[in-house]
Amino acid sequence: MNKFPLTVVGAEKLRVELQHLKSVERPAVIQAIAEARAQGDLSENAEYDAAKEKQGFIEGRIADLEGKLANAQIIDPTTLDADGRIVFGATVELEDVESGEPVTYQIVGDDEADIKQGKISVSSPIARALIGKYAGDSVDVQAPAGVRQYEVLDVLYK
């Protein structure tokens, strides 16, 4: 399996979710299954069916998180020395050339992406267009509404 990039913060969030699933959710669903079994006939027991379905989801998510963490290449943006070049983990301050509106994005792994928090996936069109650029560069991004042009104002490693 290929390694995929993940920031330190993103890896920690996945570890916290994994720990919660293993220490809270898994025991709770096991208890719910035991209680449903105690009610007798399992063939028409909706609580048992729901608990088994939830158990399947939890076990699948645990396996998914363990696989992601095992194959993650964890990158700490604060230790990067990319000489001002935009790389994975960098925080980029941009200006939309057409509207003059400033925007700030951090380039993160696919599992960490959250546009509302200004975190864009490294595989997104805008991140792919930004990688390798420097402050002062102009970038054309193919967006669903057409080509958008941005000017890179600053590149930070925080």
C-alpha atoms as a PDB file:
ATOM      1  CA  MET A   1       0.000   0.000   0.000  1.00  0.00           C
ATOM      2  CA  ASN A   2       1.254   3.486  -0.804  1.00  0.00           C
ATOM      3  CA  LYS A   3       2.175   6.000   1.850  1.00  0.00           C
ATOM      4  CA  PHE A   4      -0.030   9.064   1.896  1.00  0.00           C
ATOM      5  CA  PRO A   5       0.675  12.447   3.469  1.00  0.00           C
ATOM      6  CA  LEU A   6      -0.935  13.530   6.720  1.00  0.00           C
ATOM      7  CA  THR A   7      -0.160  16.499   8.955  1.00  0.00           C
ATOM      8  CA  VAL A   8       0.687  15.997  12.627  1.00  0.00           C
ATOM      9  CA  VAL A   9      -2.678  17.533  13.616  1.00  0.00           C
ATOM     10  CA  GLY A  10      -4.569  15.300  11.191  1.00  0.00           C
ATOM     11  CA  ALA A  11      -2.808  12.171  12.465  1.00  0.00           C
ATOM     12  CA  GLU A  12      -3.648  13.100  16.048  1.00  0.00           C
ATOM     13  CA  LYS A  13      -7.342  13.549  15.166  1.00  0.00           C
ATOM     14  CA  LEU A  14      -7.385  10.088  13.597  1.00  0.00           C
ATOM     15  CA  ARG A  15      -5.680   8.603  16.689  1.00  0.00           C
ATOM     16  CA  VAL A  16      -8.237  10.260  18.991  1.00  0.00           C
ATOM     17  CA  GLU A  17     -11.134   8.919  16.902  1.00  0.00           C
ATOM     18  CA  LEU A  18      -9.578   5.435  16.879  1.00  0.00           C
ATOM     19  CA  GLN A  19      -9.101   5.476  20.659  1.00  0.00           C
ATOM     20  CA  HIS A  20     -12.724   6.618  21.162  1.00  0.00           C
ATOM     21  CA  LEU A  21     -14.046   3.851  18.923  1.00  0.00           C
ATOM     22  CA  LYS A  22     -12.004   1.191  20.712  1.00  0.00           C
ATOM     23  CA  SER A  23     -12.567   2.346  24.301  1.00  0.00           C
ATOM     24  CA  VAL A  24     -16.126   3.749  24.180  1.00  0.00           C
ATOM     25  CA  GLU A  25     -18.087   2.756  21.083  1.00  0.00           C
ATOM     26  CA  ARG A  26     -16.954  -0.883  20.768  1.00  0.00           C
ATOM     27  CA  PRO A  27     -17.716  -1.812  24.424  1.00  0.00           C
ATOM     28  CA  ALA A  28     -21.093  -0.017  24.231  1.00  0.00           C
ATOM     29  CA  VAL A  29     -22.183  -1.930  21.141  1.00  0.00           C
ATOM     30  CA  ILE A  30     -20.997  -5.233  22.658  1.00  0.00           C
ATOM     31  CA  GLN A  31     -23.136  -4.458  25.717  1.00  0.00           C
ATOM     32  CA  ALA A  32     -26.133  -3.612  23.485  1.00  0.00           C
ATOM     33  CA  ILE A  33     -25.741  -6.944  21.644  1.00  0.00           C
ATOM     34  CA  ALA A  34     -25.586  -8.837  24.959  1.00  0.00           C
ATOM     35  CA  GLU A  35     -28.739  -7.089  26.207  1.00  0.00           C
ATOM     36  CA  ALA A  36     -30.577  -7.828  22.951  1.00  0.00           C
ATOM     37  CA  ARG A  37     -29.538 -11.503  23.133  1.00  0.00           C
ATOM     38  CA  ALA A  38     -30.910 -11.714  26.651  1.00  0.00           C
ATOM     39  CA  GLN A  39     -34.365 -10.824  25.298  1.00  0.00           C
ATOM     40  CA  GLY A  40     -34.629 -14.216  23.611  1.00  0.00           C
ATOM     41  CA  ASP A  41     -35.669 -14.817  19.979  1.00  0.00           C
ATOM     42  CA  LEU A  42     -33.102 -13.071  17.749  1.00  0.00           C
ATOM     43  CA  SER A  43     -35.002 -13.606  14.465  1.00  0.00           C
ATOM     44  CA  GLU A  44     -37.386 -10.691  15.092  1.00  0.00           C
ATOM     45  CA  ASN A  45     -35.265  -8.621  17.451  1.00  0.00           C
ATOM     46  CA  ALA A  46     -34.796  -5.137  15.957  1.00  0.00           C
ATOM     47  CA  GLU A  47     -32.449  -4.024  18.738  1.00  0.00           C
ATOM     48  CA  TYR A  48     -30.155  -6.966  18.027  1.00  0.00           C
ATOM     49  CA  ASP A  49     -30.138  -6.256  14.284  1.00  0.00           C
ATOM     50  CA  ALA A  50     -29.403  -2.549  14.863  1.00  0.00           C
ATOM     51  CA  ALA A  51     -26.611  -3.326  17.320  1.00  0.00           C
ATOM     52  CA  LYS A  52     -25.014  -5.848  14.947  1.00  0.00           C
ATOM     53  CA  GLU A  53     -25.188  -3.308  12.112  1.00  0.00           C
ATOM     54  CA  LYS A  54     -23.584  -0.640  14.298  1.00  0.00           C
ATOM     55  CA  GLN A  55     -20.905  -3.134  15.351  1.00  0.00           C
ATOM     56  CA  GLY A  56     -20.092  -3.779  11.691  1.00  0.00           C
ATOM     57  CA  PHE A  57     -19.761  -0.049  11.042  1.00  0.00           C
ATOM     58  CA  ILE A  58     -17.528   0.481  14.100  1.00  0.00           C
ATOM     59  CA  GLU A  59     -15.261  -2.468  13.262  1.00  0.00           C
ATOM     60  CA  GLY A  60     -14.980  -1.255   9.653  1.00  0.00           C
ATOM     61  CA  ARG A  61     -14.080   2.262  10.765  1.00  0.00           C
ATOM     62  CA  ILE A  62     -11.491   0.918  13.234  1.00  0.00           C
ATOM     63  CA  ALA A  63      -9.865  -1.139  10.468  1.00  0.00           C
ATOM     64  CA  ASP A  64      -9.951   1.878   8.133  1.00  0.00           C
ATOM     65  CA  LEU A  65      -8.318   4.195  10.701  1.00  0.00           C
ATOM     66  CA  GLU A  66      -5.656   1.617  11.627  1.00  0.00           C
ATOM     67  CA  GLY A  67      -4.812   1.176   7.949  1.00  0.00           C
ATOM     68  CA  LYS A  68      -4.605   4.921   7.343  1.00  0.00           C
ATOM     69  CA  LEU A  69      -2.377   5.505  10.352  1.00  0.00           C
ATOM     70  CA  ALA A  70      -0.127   2.573   9.444  1.00  0.00           C
ATOM     71  CA  ASN A  71       0.358   3.908   5.913  1.00  0.00           C
ATOM     72  CA  ALA A  72       0.547   7.610   6.742  1.00  0.00           C
ATOM     73  CA  GLN A  73       3.601   9.709   6.061  1.00  0.00           C
ATOM     74  CA  ILE A  74       3.254  12.244   8.871  1.00  0.00           C
ATOM     75  CA  ILE A  75       4.614  15.660   7.962  1.00  0.00           C
ATOM     76  CA  ASP A  76       5.114  18.509  10.423  1.00  0.00           C
ATOM     77  CA  PRO A  77       4.711  21.816   8.524  1.00  0.00           C
ATOM     78  CA  THR A  78       6.697  23.709  11.188  1.00  0.00           C
ATOM     79  CA  THR A  79       9.846  21.727  10.361  1.00  0.00           C
ATOM     80  CA  LEU A  80       9.647  22.223   6.596  1.00  0.00           C
ATOM     81  CA  ASP A  81      12.386  24.151   4.848  1.00  0.00           C
ATOM     82  CA  ALA A  82      11.076  24.603   1.323  1.00  0.00           C
ATOM     83  CA  ASP A  83      12.662  28.031   0.691  1.00  0.00           C
ATOM     84  CA  GLY A  84       9.270  29.728   0.279  1.00  0.00           C
ATOM     85  CA  ARG A  85       7.922  27.134  -2.139  1.00  0.00           C
ATOM     86  CA  ILE A  86       4.380  25.824  -1.696  1.00  0.00           C
ATOM     87  CA  VAL A  87       4.503  22.198  -0.506  1.00  0.00           C
ATOM     88  CA  PHE A  88       2.247  19.808   1.420  1.00  0.00           C
ATOM     89  CA  GLY A  89       1.415  21.268   4.830  1.00  0.00           C
ATOM     90  CA  ALA A  90       2.108  24.868   3.818  1.00  0.00           C
ATOM     91  CA  THR A  91      -0.401  27.597   4.582  1.00  0.00           C
ATOM     92  CA  VAL A  92      -0.909  29.816   1.561  1.00  0.00           C
ATOM     93  CA  GLU A  93      -2.279  33.353   1.510  1.00  0.00           C
ATOM     94  CA  LEU A  94      -3.848  34.117  -1.881  1.00  0.00           C
ATOM     95  CA  GLU A  95      -5.708  36.937  -3.538  1.00  0.00           C
ATOM     96  CA  ASP A  96      -8.439  36.270  -6.076  1.00  0.00           C
ATOM     97  CA  VAL A  97      -7.279  38.468  -8.986  1.00  0.00           C
ATOM     98  CA  GLU A  98     -10.818  39.099 -10.262  1.00  0.00           C
ATOM     99  CA  SER A  99     -12.498  40.042  -6.972  1.00  0.00           C
ATOM    100  CA  GLY A 100      -9.443  41.157  -4.972  1.00  0.00           C
ATOM    101  CA  GLU A 101     -10.670  38.965  -2.114  1.00  0.00           C
ATOM    102  CA  PRO A 102      -7.956  37.411   0.085  1.00  0.00           C
ATOM    103  CA  VAL A 103      -8.186  33.712   0.990  1.00  0.00           C
ATOM    104  CA  THR A 104      -5.979  31.487   3.115  1.00  0.00           C
ATOM    105  CA  TYR A 105      -5.648  27.718   2.679  1.00  0.00           C
ATOM    106  CA  GLN A 106      -3.527  25.020   4.258  1.00  0.00           C
ATOM    107  CA  ILE A 107      -2.699  22.077   1.995  1.00  0.00           C
ATOM    108  CA  VAL A 108      -3.485  18.882   3.920  1.00  0.00           C
ATOM    109  CA  GLY A 109      -4.201  15.181   3.364  1.00  0.00           C
ATOM    110  CA  ASP A 110      -7.479  13.957   1.903  1.00  0.00           C
ATOM    111  CA  ASP A 111      -8.864  12.898   5.310  1.00  0.00           C
ATOM    112  CA  GLU A 112      -8.127  16.294   6.859  1.00  0.00           C
ATOM    113  CA  ALA A 113      -9.655  18.503   4.176  1.00  0.00           C
ATOM    114  CA  ASP A 114     -12.331  20.913   5.442  1.00  0.00           C
ATOM    115  CA  ILE A 115     -12.929  23.965   3.281  1.00  0.00           C
ATOM    116  CA  LYS A 116     -14.805  25.716   6.117  1.00  0.00           C
ATOM    117  CA  GLN A 117     -11.590  25.616   8.164  1.00  0.00           C
ATOM    118  CA  GLY A 118      -9.441  26.641   5.201  1.00  0.00           C
ATOM    119  CA  LYS A 119      -7.918  23.172   4.768  1.00  0.00           C
ATOM    120  CA  ILE A 120      -7.799  21.892   1.190  1.00  0.00           C
ATOM    121  CA  SER A 121      -6.878  18.419   0.028  1.00  0.00           C
ATOM    122  CA  VAL A 122      -3.488  17.970  -1.611  1.00  0.00           C
ATOM    123  CA  SER A 123      -5.336  16.235  -4.456  1.00  0.00           C
ATOM    124  CA  SER A 124      -7.766  19.131  -5.071  1.00  0.00           C
ATOM    125  CA  PRO A 125      -7.403  21.178  -8.295  1.00  0.00           C
ATOM    126  CA  ILE A 126      -6.351  24.340  -6.433  1.00  0.00           C
ATOM    127  CA  ALA A 127      -3.708  22.535  -4.350  1.00  0.00           C
ATOM    128  CA  ARG A 128      -2.300  20.787  -7.429  1.00  0.00           C
ATOM    129  CA  ALA A 129      -2.047  24.179  -9.154  1.00  0.00           C
ATOM    130  CA  LEU A 130      -0.349  25.763  -6.119  1.00  0.00           C
ATOM    131  CA  ILE A 131       2.285  23.083  -5.371  1.00  0.00           C
ATOM    132  CA  GLY A 132       5.734  24.314  -6.359  1.00  0.00           C
ATOM    133  CA  LYS A 133       4.784  28.010  -6.657  1.00  0.00           C
ATOM    134  CA  TYR A 134       6.300  30.900  -4.681  1.00  0.00           C
ATOM    135  CA  ALA A 135       4.996  34.171  -3.192  1.00  0.00           C
ATOM    136  CA  GLY A 136       4.425  36.628  -6.046  1.00  0.00           C
ATOM    137  CA  ASP A 137       3.493  33.899  -8.546  1.00  0.00           C
ATOM    138  CA  SER A 138       0.200  33.945 -10.384  1.00  0.00           C
ATOM    139  CA  VAL A 139      -1.790  30.703 -10.522  1.00  0.00           C
ATOM    140  CA  ASP A 140      -4.618  29.656 -12.842  1.00  0.00           C
ATOM    141  CA  VAL A 141      -7.004  27.131 -11.306  1.00  0.00           C
ATOM    142  CA  GLN A 142      -9.577  25.196 -13.312  1.00  0.00           C
ATOM    143  CA  ALA A 143     -12.738  25.409 -11.199  1.00  0.00           C
ATOM    144  CA  PRO A 144     -16.234  24.139 -12.024  1.00  0.00           C
ATOM    145  CA  ALA A 145     -17.302  27.722 -12.811  1.00  0.00           C
ATOM    146  CA  GLY A 146     -14.299  28.248 -15.095  1.00  0.00           C
ATOM    147  CA  VAL A 147     -10.696  29.325 -14.713  1.00  0.00           C
ATOM    148  CA  ARG A 148      -9.942  31.359 -11.567  1.00  0.00           C
ATOM    149  CA  GLN A 149      -6.727  33.299 -11.220  1.00  0.00           C
ATOM    150  CA  TYR A 150      -4.984  33.797  -7.892  1.00  0.00           C
ATOM    151  CA  GLU A 151      -1.863  35.658  -6.853  1.00  0.00           C
ATOM    152  CA  VAL A 152       0.224  34.036  -4.133  1.00  0.00           C
ATOM    153  CA  LEU A 153       0.743  36.648  -1.411  1.00  0.00           C
ATOM    154  CA  ASP A 154       2.612  34.573   1.179  1.00  0.00           C
ATOM    155  CA  VAL A 155       3.668  31.010   2.004  1.00  0.00           C
ATOM    156  CA  LEU A 156       3.830  30.018   5.672  1.00  0.00           C
ATOM    157  CA  TYR A 157       4.951  26.844   7.389  1.00  0.00           C
ATOM    158  CA  LYS A 158       2.978  26.821  10.640  1.00  0.00           C
END
